[in-house]
Amino acid sequence: MTAQASTHALALPAIEQVWSWLDAVPDPEIPVISVVDLGIVRDVAWQDDTCVVTITPTYSGCPAMTAIRENVEAVLAAQGVNSVRVETRLAPAWTTDWMTARGKANLSGYGIAPPAQQVIDISGISRRSSPVLVVACPHCGSHHTRLVSQFGSTACKALYRCGDCREPFDYFKAH
């Protein structure tokens, strides 16, 4: 390796630094959770002097992916990373299991109940009824809640109501 190539390689930010910059990219639909905490960012790597960021959408038709791609590029450009390639990986499919504990806490603090269960085996789909979920109210913490509609403000959320504080709230469905 030449001295010039060695100096250039040392000038690239560490992968951990890039991850910390990406942690500042909010989800466009739920701005209190970063795309890192949501589990959308799957990998960060250098290919020569290009930073390759691999993302997995929460579902294949997610309308926020264009905004996420643009925001990732903008945040990295602001840090001096001028060559960025954002790649989309659809398999394995995104799961709420990839959300961080901090992300789930941020959702709750924002008034959205985080997933109440883990998705252990997404290939084991059966026709048996799902167990009744106990979803804690993000407003008062009560477990006396009920499902109002499987469809909330976005495709990934359901609408619940608390029986104690009477407030409606979104529940981020586990999938």
N, C-alpha and C. Protein backbone atom coordinates (compact mmCIF):
# COMPACT_ATOMS: atom_id res chain seq x y z
N MET A 1 0.85 -1.17 0.00
CA MET A 1 0.00 0.00 0.00
C MET A 1 0.89 1.24 0.00
N THR A 2 0.60 2.19 -0.85
CA THR A 2 1.40 3.41 -0.91
C THR A 2 1.10 4.28 0.29
N ALA A 3 2.00 5.23 0.55
CA ALA A 3 1.79 6.15 1.66
C ALA A 3 0.52 6.97 1.45
N GLN A 4 0.27 7.37 0.19
CA GLN A 4 -0.93 8.16 -0.10
C GLN A 4 -2.19 7.33 0.16
N ALA A 5 -2.22 6.06 -0.27
CA ALA A 5 -3.38 5.20 -0.05
C ALA A 5 -3.58 4.94 1.43
N SER A 6 -2.47 4.75 2.14
CA SER A 6 -2.56 4.51 3.57
C SER A 6 -3.14 5.72 4.29
N THR A 7 -2.69 6.92 3.93
CA THR A 7 -3.21 8.15 4.55
C THR A 7 -4.70 8.31 4.23
N HIS A 8 -5.09 8.01 2.97
CA HIS A 8 -6.49 8.14 2.59
C HIS A 8 -7.37 7.17 3.40
N ALA A 9 -6.90 5.92 3.57
CA ALA A 9 -7.67 4.93 4.31
C ALA A 9 -7.86 5.35 5.76
N LEU A 10 -6.84 6.01 6.31
CA LEU A 10 -6.96 6.45 7.70
C LEU A 10 -7.94 7.61 7.84
N ALA A 11 -8.22 8.33 6.76
CA ALA A 11 -9.10 9.47 6.83
C ALA A 11 -10.57 9.07 6.87
N LEU A 12 -10.88 7.83 6.55
CA LEU A 12 -12.28 7.39 6.57
C LEU A 12 -12.75 7.26 8.01
N PRO A 13 -13.94 7.75 8.30
CA PRO A 13 -14.46 7.60 9.67
C PRO A 13 -14.66 6.13 10.03
N ALA A 14 -14.51 5.83 11.28
CA ALA A 14 -14.73 4.47 11.77
C ALA A 14 -16.20 4.10 11.59
N ILE A 15 -16.44 2.82 11.39
CA ILE A 15 -17.81 2.32 11.22
C ILE A 15 -18.67 2.71 12.43
N GLU A 16 -18.11 2.63 13.63
CA GLU A 16 -18.86 2.99 14.84
C GLU A 16 -19.28 4.46 14.79
N GLN A 17 -18.43 5.32 14.25
CA GLN A 17 -18.75 6.74 14.12
C GLN A 17 -19.91 6.94 13.14
N VAL A 18 -19.87 6.21 12.03
CA VAL A 18 -20.96 6.31 11.04
C VAL A 18 -22.28 5.86 11.68
N TRP A 19 -22.25 4.77 12.44
CA TRP A 19 -23.46 4.32 13.13
C TRP A 19 -23.99 5.41 14.06
N SER A 20 -23.11 6.10 14.76
CA SER A 20 -23.58 7.15 15.69
C SER A 20 -24.20 8.31 14.91
N TRP A 21 -23.67 8.64 13.74
CA TRP A 21 -24.28 9.68 12.91
C TRP A 21 -25.64 9.24 12.41
N LEU A 22 -25.76 7.98 12.01
CA LEU A 22 -27.04 7.46 11.52
C LEU A 22 -28.08 7.40 12.63
N ASP A 23 -27.62 7.29 13.85
CA ASP A 23 -28.54 7.27 14.99
C ASP A 23 -29.28 8.60 15.14
N ALA A 24 -28.80 9.63 14.47
CA ALA A 24 -29.47 10.94 14.51
C ALA A 24 -30.53 11.08 13.42
N VAL A 25 -30.68 10.06 12.56
CA VAL A 25 -31.68 10.13 11.49
C VAL A 25 -33.01 9.63 12.06
N PRO A 26 -33.99 10.51 12.17
CA PRO A 26 -35.29 10.08 12.72
C PRO A 26 -36.12 9.34 11.68
N ASP A 27 -36.99 8.48 12.15
CA ASP A 27 -37.97 7.88 11.26
C ASP A 27 -38.93 8.99 10.84
N PRO A 28 -39.21 9.15 9.54
CA PRO A 28 -40.07 10.25 9.09
C PRO A 28 -41.50 10.18 9.63
N GLU A 29 -41.99 8.98 9.93
CA GLU A 29 -43.36 8.84 10.42
C GLU A 29 -43.45 8.96 11.94
N ILE A 30 -42.38 8.57 12.63
CA ILE A 30 -42.35 8.61 14.10
C ILE A 30 -41.02 9.23 14.50
N PRO A 31 -40.93 10.55 14.54
CA PRO A 31 -39.63 11.23 14.69
C PRO A 31 -38.92 11.02 16.02
N VAL A 32 -39.55 10.40 17.01
CA VAL A 32 -38.87 10.17 18.29
C VAL A 32 -38.02 8.91 18.29
N ILE A 33 -38.05 8.16 17.19
CA ILE A 33 -37.24 6.95 17.11
C ILE A 33 -36.33 7.07 15.89
N SER A 34 -35.07 6.75 16.07
CA SER A 34 -34.13 6.83 14.96
C SER A 34 -34.26 5.59 14.08
N VAL A 35 -33.75 5.71 12.87
CA VAL A 35 -33.78 4.56 11.96
C VAL A 35 -32.88 3.43 12.48
N VAL A 36 -31.90 3.78 13.31
CA VAL A 36 -31.06 2.76 13.94
C VAL A 36 -31.85 2.06 15.03
N ASP A 37 -32.52 2.82 15.91
CA ASP A 37 -33.32 2.21 16.99
C ASP A 37 -34.51 1.43 16.45
N LEU A 38 -35.02 1.84 15.29
CA LEU A 38 -36.13 1.12 14.67
C LEU A 38 -35.65 -0.20 14.05
N GLY A 39 -34.36 -0.33 13.81
CA GLY A 39 -33.80 -1.55 13.24
C GLY A 39 -33.81 -1.56 11.72
N ILE A 40 -34.04 -0.41 11.11
CA ILE A 40 -34.05 -0.31 9.65
C ILE A 40 -32.64 -0.39 9.08
N VAL A 41 -31.67 0.22 9.77
CA VAL A 41 -30.28 0.17 9.31
C VAL A 41 -29.72 -1.20 9.69
N ARG A 42 -29.37 -1.98 8.69
CA ARG A 42 -28.92 -3.35 8.91
C ARG A 42 -27.40 -3.48 8.90
N ASP A 43 -26.73 -2.62 8.10
CA ASP A 43 -25.28 -2.77 7.99
C ASP A 43 -24.67 -1.47 7.51
N VAL A 44 -23.44 -1.23 7.92
CA VAL A 44 -22.65 -0.11 7.45
C VAL A 44 -21.27 -0.66 7.13
N ALA A 45 -20.77 -0.34 5.93
CA ALA A 45 -19.46 -0.84 5.52
C ALA A 45 -18.81 0.16 4.56
N TRP A 46 -17.52 0.07 4.47
CA TRP A 46 -16.78 0.86 3.48
C TRP A 46 -16.43 -0.04 2.31
N GLN A 47 -16.68 0.43 1.10
CA GLN A 47 -16.19 -0.21 -0.12
C GLN A 47 -15.35 0.85 -0.80
N ASP A 48 -14.05 0.69 -0.69
CA ASP A 48 -13.09 1.73 -1.10
C ASP A 48 -13.43 3.00 -0.31
N ASP A 49 -13.74 4.12 -0.98
CA ASP A 49 -14.06 5.34 -0.23
C ASP A 49 -15.57 5.62 -0.23
N THR A 50 -16.38 4.60 -0.54
CA THR A 50 -17.83 4.74 -0.52
C THR A 50 -18.40 4.09 0.73
N CYS A 51 -19.20 4.85 1.43
CA CYS A 51 -19.89 4.32 2.61
C CYS A 51 -21.18 3.65 2.13
N VAL A 52 -21.30 2.36 2.37
CA VAL A 52 -22.48 1.60 1.96
C VAL A 52 -23.34 1.34 3.19
N VAL A 53 -24.55 1.87 3.15
CA VAL A 53 -25.50 1.71 4.24
C VAL A 53 -26.63 0.82 3.73
N THR A 54 -26.83 -0.30 4.41
CA THR A 54 -27.89 -1.24 4.01
C THR A 54 -29.08 -1.04 4.92
N ILE A 55 -30.26 -0.86 4.29
CA ILE A 55 -31.49 -0.64 5.05
C ILE A 55 -32.52 -1.69 4.65
N THR A 56 -33.39 -2.01 5.59
CA THR A 56 -34.51 -2.92 5.35
C THR A 56 -35.77 -2.18 5.74
N PRO A 57 -36.71 -2.03 4.80
CA PRO A 57 -37.95 -1.32 5.13
C PRO A 57 -38.81 -2.12 6.11
N THR A 58 -39.63 -1.41 6.86
CA THR A 58 -40.53 -2.09 7.80
C THR A 58 -41.54 -2.95 7.06
N TYR A 59 -41.88 -2.56 5.85
CA TYR A 59 -42.62 -3.42 4.94
C TYR A 59 -42.30 -2.97 3.52
N SER A 60 -42.48 -3.85 2.55
CA SER A 60 -41.96 -3.60 1.20
C SER A 60 -42.53 -2.36 0.53
N GLY A 61 -43.71 -1.92 0.89
CA GLY A 61 -44.30 -0.73 0.28
C GLY A 61 -44.20 0.50 1.13
N CYS A 62 -43.30 0.53 2.09
CA CYS A 62 -43.20 1.65 3.03
C CYS A 62 -42.91 2.95 2.28
N PRO A 63 -43.82 3.93 2.41
CA PRO A 63 -43.63 5.19 1.69
C PRO A 63 -42.51 6.06 2.26
N ALA A 64 -42.03 5.74 3.44
CA ALA A 64 -40.99 6.56 4.07
C ALA A 64 -39.59 6.23 3.59
N MET A 65 -39.41 5.17 2.81
CA MET A 65 -38.06 4.73 2.44
C MET A 65 -37.31 5.77 1.61
N THR A 66 -37.99 6.49 0.75
CA THR A 66 -37.29 7.53 -0.03
C THR A 66 -36.77 8.61 0.90
N ALA A 67 -37.60 9.05 1.84
CA ALA A 67 -37.17 10.07 2.80
C ALA A 67 -36.03 9.55 3.67
N ILE A 68 -36.09 8.30 4.09
CA ILE A 68 -35.03 7.72 4.91
C ILE A 68 -33.72 7.70 4.12
N ARG A 69 -33.77 7.25 2.89
CA ARG A 69 -32.58 7.21 2.03
C ARG A 69 -31.97 8.62 1.91
N GLU A 70 -32.82 9.61 1.61
CA GLU A 70 -32.33 10.98 1.45
C GLU A 70 -31.76 11.53 2.76
N ASN A 71 -32.40 11.22 3.88
CA ASN A 71 -31.92 11.69 5.18
C ASN A 71 -30.60 11.04 5.57
N VAL A 72 -30.43 9.76 5.26
CA VAL A 72 -29.16 9.07 5.52
C VAL A 72 -28.05 9.75 4.71
N GLU A 73 -28.31 9.98 3.44
CA GLU A 73 -27.30 10.63 2.59
C GLU A 73 -26.98 12.03 3.10
N ALA A 74 -27.99 12.79 3.51
CA ALA A 74 -27.78 14.17 3.98
C ALA A 74 -26.98 14.20 5.28
N VAL A 75 -27.30 13.32 6.23
CA VAL A 75 -26.59 13.30 7.50
C VAL A 75 -25.12 12.94 7.28
N LEU A 76 -24.86 11.98 6.43
CA LEU A 76 -23.47 11.60 6.17
C LEU A 76 -22.73 12.68 5.40
N ALA A 77 -23.40 13.32 4.44
CA ALA A 77 -22.76 14.42 3.70
C ALA A 77 -22.40 15.56 4.64
N ALA A 78 -23.25 15.84 5.61
CA ALA A 78 -22.99 16.90 6.59
C ALA A 78 -21.75 16.59 7.43
N GLN A 79 -21.39 15.32 7.52
CA GLN A 79 -20.20 14.90 8.27
C GLN A 79 -18.99 14.74 7.36
N GLY A 80 -19.15 15.11 6.09
CA GLY A 80 -18.03 15.03 5.15
C GLY A 80 -17.91 13.73 4.39
N VAL A 81 -18.89 12.85 4.54
CA VAL A 81 -18.89 11.59 3.79
C VAL A 81 -19.63 11.87 2.48
N ASN A 82 -18.87 12.07 1.42
CA ASN A 82 -19.46 12.51 0.16
C ASN A 82 -19.85 11.38 -0.77
N SER A 83 -19.29 10.21 -0.57
CA SER A 83 -19.64 9.07 -1.41
C SER A 83 -20.42 8.07 -0.58
N VAL A 84 -21.73 8.05 -0.79
CA VAL A 84 -22.62 7.19 -0.01
C VAL A 84 -23.49 6.40 -0.97
N ARG A 85 -23.65 5.13 -0.68
CA ARG A 85 -24.60 4.30 -1.42
C ARG A 85 -25.52 3.63 -0.41
N VAL A 86 -26.81 3.87 -0.56
CA VAL A 86 -27.80 3.25 0.31
C VAL A 86 -28.42 2.09 -0.45
N GLU A 87 -28.28 0.90 0.09
CA GLU A 87 -28.83 -0.29 -0.53
C GLU A 87 -30.01 -0.80 0.28
N THR A 88 -31.00 -1.33 -0.42
CA THR A 88 -32.17 -1.89 0.25
C THR A 88 -32.07 -3.41 0.22
N ARG A 89 -32.26 -4.01 1.38
CA ARG A 89 -32.26 -5.48 1.51
C ARG A 89 -33.64 -5.88 2.03
N LEU A 90 -34.34 -6.70 1.27
CA LEU A 90 -35.69 -7.12 1.66
C LEU A 90 -35.71 -8.43 2.44
N ALA A 91 -34.63 -9.21 2.37
CA ALA A 91 -34.60 -10.49 3.08
C ALA A 91 -33.36 -10.55 3.95
N PRO A 92 -33.49 -10.93 5.20
CA PRO A 92 -34.75 -11.31 5.82
C PRO A 92 -35.64 -10.09 6.01
N ALA A 93 -36.93 -10.34 6.09
CA ALA A 93 -37.90 -9.27 6.28
C ALA A 93 -37.69 -8.62 7.64
N TRP A 94 -37.92 -7.31 7.68
CA TRP A 94 -37.80 -6.56 8.94
C TRP A 94 -38.76 -7.13 9.97
N THR A 95 -38.34 -7.09 11.21
CA THR A 95 -39.17 -7.53 12.33
C THR A 95 -39.01 -6.55 13.48
N THR A 96 -40.05 -6.43 14.27
CA THR A 96 -39.99 -5.54 15.43
C THR A 96 -38.97 -6.04 16.46
N ASP A 97 -38.53 -7.28 16.32
CA ASP A 97 -37.48 -7.80 17.21
C ASP A 97 -36.18 -7.01 17.04
N TRP A 98 -36.01 -6.33 15.89
CA TRP A 98 -34.79 -5.57 15.63
C TRP A 98 -34.81 -4.20 16.30
N MET A 99 -35.93 -3.81 16.88
CA MET A 99 -35.99 -2.52 17.57
C MET A 99 -35.17 -2.59 18.85
N THR A 100 -34.51 -1.48 19.18
CA THR A 100 -33.73 -1.45 20.41
C THR A 100 -34.63 -1.14 21.61
N ALA A 101 -34.13 -1.46 22.79
CA ALA A 101 -34.87 -1.14 24.01
C ALA A 101 -35.07 0.38 24.13
N ARG A 102 -34.05 1.14 23.76
CA ARG A 102 -34.17 2.61 23.79
C ARG A 102 -35.26 3.08 22.83
N GLY A 103 -35.32 2.48 21.65
CA GLY A 103 -36.35 2.83 20.68
C GLY A 103 -37.74 2.54 21.20
N LYS A 104 -37.91 1.38 21.84
CA LYS A 104 -39.22 1.03 22.41
C LYS A 104 -39.60 1.99 23.53
N ALA A 105 -38.63 2.38 24.34
CA ALA A 105 -38.90 3.35 25.41
C ALA A 105 -39.28 4.71 24.82
N ASN A 106 -38.61 5.11 23.75
CA ASN A 106 -38.96 6.39 23.09
C ASN A 106 -40.37 6.35 22.53
N LEU A 107 -40.75 5.22 21.94
CA LEU A 107 -42.12 5.08 21.44
C LEU A 107 -43.12 5.28 22.57
N SER A 108 -42.90 4.60 23.67
CA SER A 108 -43.81 4.69 24.82
C SER A 108 -43.90 6.11 25.34
N GLY A 109 -42.76 6.78 25.45
CA GLY A 109 -42.75 8.16 25.91
C GLY A 109 -43.47 9.11 24.97
N TYR A 110 -43.61 8.72 23.72
CA TYR A 110 -44.28 9.52 22.70
C TYR A 110 -45.77 9.23 22.65
N GLY A 111 -46.21 8.20 23.40
CA GLY A 111 -47.62 7.85 23.42
C GLY A 111 -47.99 6.69 22.52
N ILE A 112 -47.00 5.97 22.01
CA ILE A 112 -47.24 4.79 21.18
C ILE A 112 -46.75 3.57 21.96
N ALA A 113 -47.65 2.62 22.19
CA ALA A 113 -47.25 1.41 22.90
C ALA A 113 -46.32 0.59 22.02
N PRO A 114 -45.15 0.21 22.53
CA PRO A 114 -44.22 -0.61 21.74
C PRO A 114 -44.73 -2.04 21.63
N PRO A 115 -44.16 -2.84 20.74
CA PRO A 115 -44.59 -4.23 20.60
C PRO A 115 -44.58 -4.95 21.94
N ALA A 116 -45.67 -5.68 22.21
CA ALA A 116 -45.82 -6.37 23.49
C ALA A 116 -45.29 -7.80 23.44
N GLN A 117 -44.83 -8.22 22.30
CA GLN A 117 -44.30 -9.58 22.17
C GLN A 117 -43.17 -9.59 21.17
N GLN A 118 -42.37 -10.65 21.25
CA GLN A 118 -41.33 -10.83 20.25
C GLN A 118 -41.83 -11.77 19.18
N VAL A 119 -41.34 -11.57 17.98
CA VAL A 119 -41.65 -12.47 16.88
C VAL A 119 -40.53 -13.49 16.88
N ILE A 120 -40.85 -14.69 17.28
CA ILE A 120 -39.81 -15.70 17.43
C ILE A 120 -39.55 -16.46 16.14
N ASP A 121 -40.62 -16.88 15.47
CA ASP A 121 -40.46 -17.66 14.25
C ASP A 121 -41.47 -17.18 13.22
N ILE A 122 -41.04 -16.26 12.35
CA ILE A 122 -41.97 -15.71 11.38
C ILE A 122 -42.37 -16.71 10.31
N SER A 123 -41.67 -17.84 10.23
CA SER A 123 -42.04 -18.85 9.24
C SER A 123 -43.11 -19.80 9.79
N GLY A 124 -43.38 -19.75 11.08
CA GLY A 124 -44.33 -20.67 11.70
C GLY A 124 -45.73 -20.12 11.78
N ILE A 125 -46.21 -19.56 10.70
CA ILE A 125 -47.56 -18.99 10.67
C ILE A 125 -48.57 -20.13 10.74
N SER A 126 -49.57 -19.99 11.60
CA SER A 126 -50.61 -21.02 11.71
C SER A 126 -51.98 -20.36 11.66
N ARG A 127 -53.00 -21.17 11.50
CA ARG A 127 -54.37 -20.66 11.45
C ARG A 127 -54.98 -20.56 12.84
N ARG A 128 -54.28 -21.02 13.84
CA ARG A 128 -54.79 -20.90 15.21
C ARG A 128 -54.86 -19.44 15.60
N SER A 129 -55.78 -19.13 16.47
CA SER A 129 -55.91 -17.73 16.88
C SER A 129 -54.69 -17.30 17.69
N SER A 130 -54.38 -16.05 17.56
CA SER A 130 -53.25 -15.49 18.29
C SER A 130 -53.62 -15.32 19.75
N PRO A 131 -52.64 -15.41 20.64
CA PRO A 131 -52.94 -15.17 22.04
C PRO A 131 -53.38 -13.72 22.23
N VAL A 132 -54.24 -13.51 23.22
CA VAL A 132 -54.69 -12.16 23.52
C VAL A 132 -53.51 -11.38 24.08
N LEU A 133 -53.22 -10.25 23.45
CA LEU A 133 -52.11 -9.43 23.90
C LEU A 133 -52.50 -8.58 25.08
N VAL A 134 -51.58 -8.42 25.98
CA VAL A 134 -51.76 -7.47 27.07
C VAL A 134 -50.86 -6.29 26.71
N VAL A 135 -51.50 -5.20 26.29
CA VAL A 135 -50.78 -4.01 25.84
C VAL A 135 -50.91 -2.94 26.91
N ALA A 136 -49.78 -2.50 27.43
CA ALA A 136 -49.78 -1.46 28.46
C ALA A 136 -50.06 -0.10 27.84
N CYS A 137 -50.87 0.68 28.50
CA CYS A 137 -51.16 2.04 28.06
C CYS A 137 -49.90 2.89 28.20
N PRO A 138 -49.48 3.56 27.12
CA PRO A 138 -48.27 4.40 27.23
C PRO A 138 -48.51 5.68 28.02
N HIS A 139 -49.76 6.00 28.32
CA HIS A 139 -50.08 7.22 29.06
C HIS A 139 -50.07 7.00 30.57
N CYS A 140 -50.70 5.90 31.02
CA CYS A 140 -50.81 5.69 32.47
C CYS A 140 -50.21 4.37 32.94
N GLY A 141 -49.82 3.50 32.01
CA GLY A 141 -49.21 2.23 32.37
C GLY A 141 -50.20 1.11 32.65
N SER A 142 -51.49 1.39 32.60
CA SER A 142 -52.50 0.38 32.89
C SER A 142 -52.46 -0.74 31.86
N HIS A 143 -52.79 -1.94 32.32
CA HIS A 143 -52.92 -3.09 31.42
C HIS A 143 -54.38 -3.34 31.08
N HIS A 144 -55.25 -2.47 31.53
CA HIS A 144 -56.69 -2.57 31.26
C HIS A 144 -56.98 -1.84 29.95
N THR A 145 -56.53 -2.43 28.84
CA THR A 145 -56.66 -1.82 27.52
C THR A 145 -57.40 -2.78 26.60
N ARG A 146 -57.96 -2.22 25.53
CA ARG A 146 -58.64 -3.08 24.56
C ARG A 146 -58.38 -2.60 23.14
N LEU A 147 -58.38 -3.56 22.25
CA LEU A 147 -58.20 -3.28 20.83
C LEU A 147 -59.47 -2.63 20.29
N VAL A 148 -59.31 -1.49 19.62
CA VAL A 148 -60.43 -0.80 18.98
C VAL A 148 -60.45 -1.16 17.50
N SER A 149 -59.26 -1.14 16.87
CA SER A 149 -59.15 -1.44 15.44
C SER A 149 -57.76 -1.98 15.14
N GLN A 150 -57.68 -2.97 14.28
CA GLN A 150 -56.39 -3.50 13.84
C GLN A 150 -55.62 -2.48 13.02
N PHE A 151 -56.29 -1.40 12.62
CA PHE A 151 -55.68 -0.39 11.76
C PHE A 151 -55.56 0.92 12.50
N GLY A 152 -54.33 1.37 12.70
CA GLY A 152 -54.07 2.63 13.39
C GLY A 152 -53.70 3.72 12.41
N SER A 153 -52.90 4.66 12.86
CA SER A 153 -52.54 5.81 12.04
C SER A 153 -51.63 5.45 10.87
N THR A 154 -50.92 4.34 10.97
CA THR A 154 -50.12 3.82 9.86
C THR A 154 -50.33 2.31 9.81
N ALA A 155 -49.88 1.69 8.74
CA ALA A 155 -50.09 0.25 8.55
C ALA A 155 -49.45 -0.60 9.63
N CYS A 156 -48.42 -0.10 10.28
CA CYS A 156 -47.71 -0.90 11.28
C CYS A 156 -48.27 -0.73 12.69
N LYS A 157 -49.37 0.01 12.82
CA LYS A 157 -49.93 0.25 14.15
C LYS A 157 -51.40 -0.15 14.21
N ALA A 158 -51.86 -0.49 15.41
CA ALA A 158 -53.26 -0.78 15.70
C ALA A 158 -53.74 0.27 16.70
N LEU A 159 -55.06 0.45 16.77
CA LEU A 159 -55.63 1.45 17.67
C LEU A 159 -56.19 0.76 18.91
N TYR A 160 -55.75 1.22 20.07
CA TYR A 160 -56.21 0.71 21.36
C TYR A 160 -56.82 1.85 22.17
N ARG A 161 -57.55 1.48 23.24
CA ARG A 161 -58.07 2.47 24.19
C ARG A 161 -57.83 1.92 25.59
N CYS A 162 -57.44 2.81 26.47
CA CYS A 162 -57.21 2.44 27.87
C CYS A 162 -58.53 2.51 28.63
N GLY A 163 -58.81 1.49 29.42
CA GLY A 163 -60.03 1.46 30.23
C GLY A 163 -59.91 2.30 31.48
N ASP A 164 -58.70 2.67 31.88
CA ASP A 164 -58.53 3.46 33.10
C ASP A 164 -58.47 4.95 32.81
N CYS A 165 -57.53 5.38 31.98
CA CYS A 165 -57.42 6.82 31.69
C CYS A 165 -58.29 7.23 30.50
N ARG A 166 -58.86 6.22 29.82
CA ARG A 166 -59.79 6.43 28.70
C ARG A 166 -59.14 7.00 27.43
N GLU A 167 -57.84 7.12 27.42
CA GLU A 167 -57.16 7.69 26.26
C GLU A 167 -56.98 6.65 25.16
N PRO A 168 -57.19 7.04 23.91
CA PRO A 168 -56.84 6.15 22.80
C PRO A 168 -55.33 6.24 22.56
N PHE A 169 -54.76 5.18 21.99
CA PHE A 169 -53.34 5.21 21.66
C PHE A 169 -53.04 4.20 20.57
N ASP A 170 -51.98 4.47 19.83
CA ASP A 170 -51.50 3.53 18.84
C ASP A 170 -50.64 2.47 19.53
N TYR A 171 -50.72 1.26 19.00
CA TYR A 171 -49.88 0.15 19.42
C TYR A 171 -49.06 -0.26 18.21
N PHE A 172 -47.75 -0.28 18.33
CA PHE A 172 -46.87 -0.70 17.25
C PHE A 172 -46.92 -2.21 17.18
N LYS A 173 -47.58 -2.73 16.17
CA LYS A 173 -47.81 -4.18 16.05
C LYS A 173 -46.48 -4.93 15.88
N ALA A 174 -46.41 -6.08 16.56
CA ALA A 174 -45.25 -6.95 16.41
C ALA A 174 -45.36 -7.69 15.10
N HIS A 175 -44.31 -7.66 14.33
CA HIS A 175 -44.25 -8.43 13.10
C HIS A 175 -42.82 -8.56 12.65
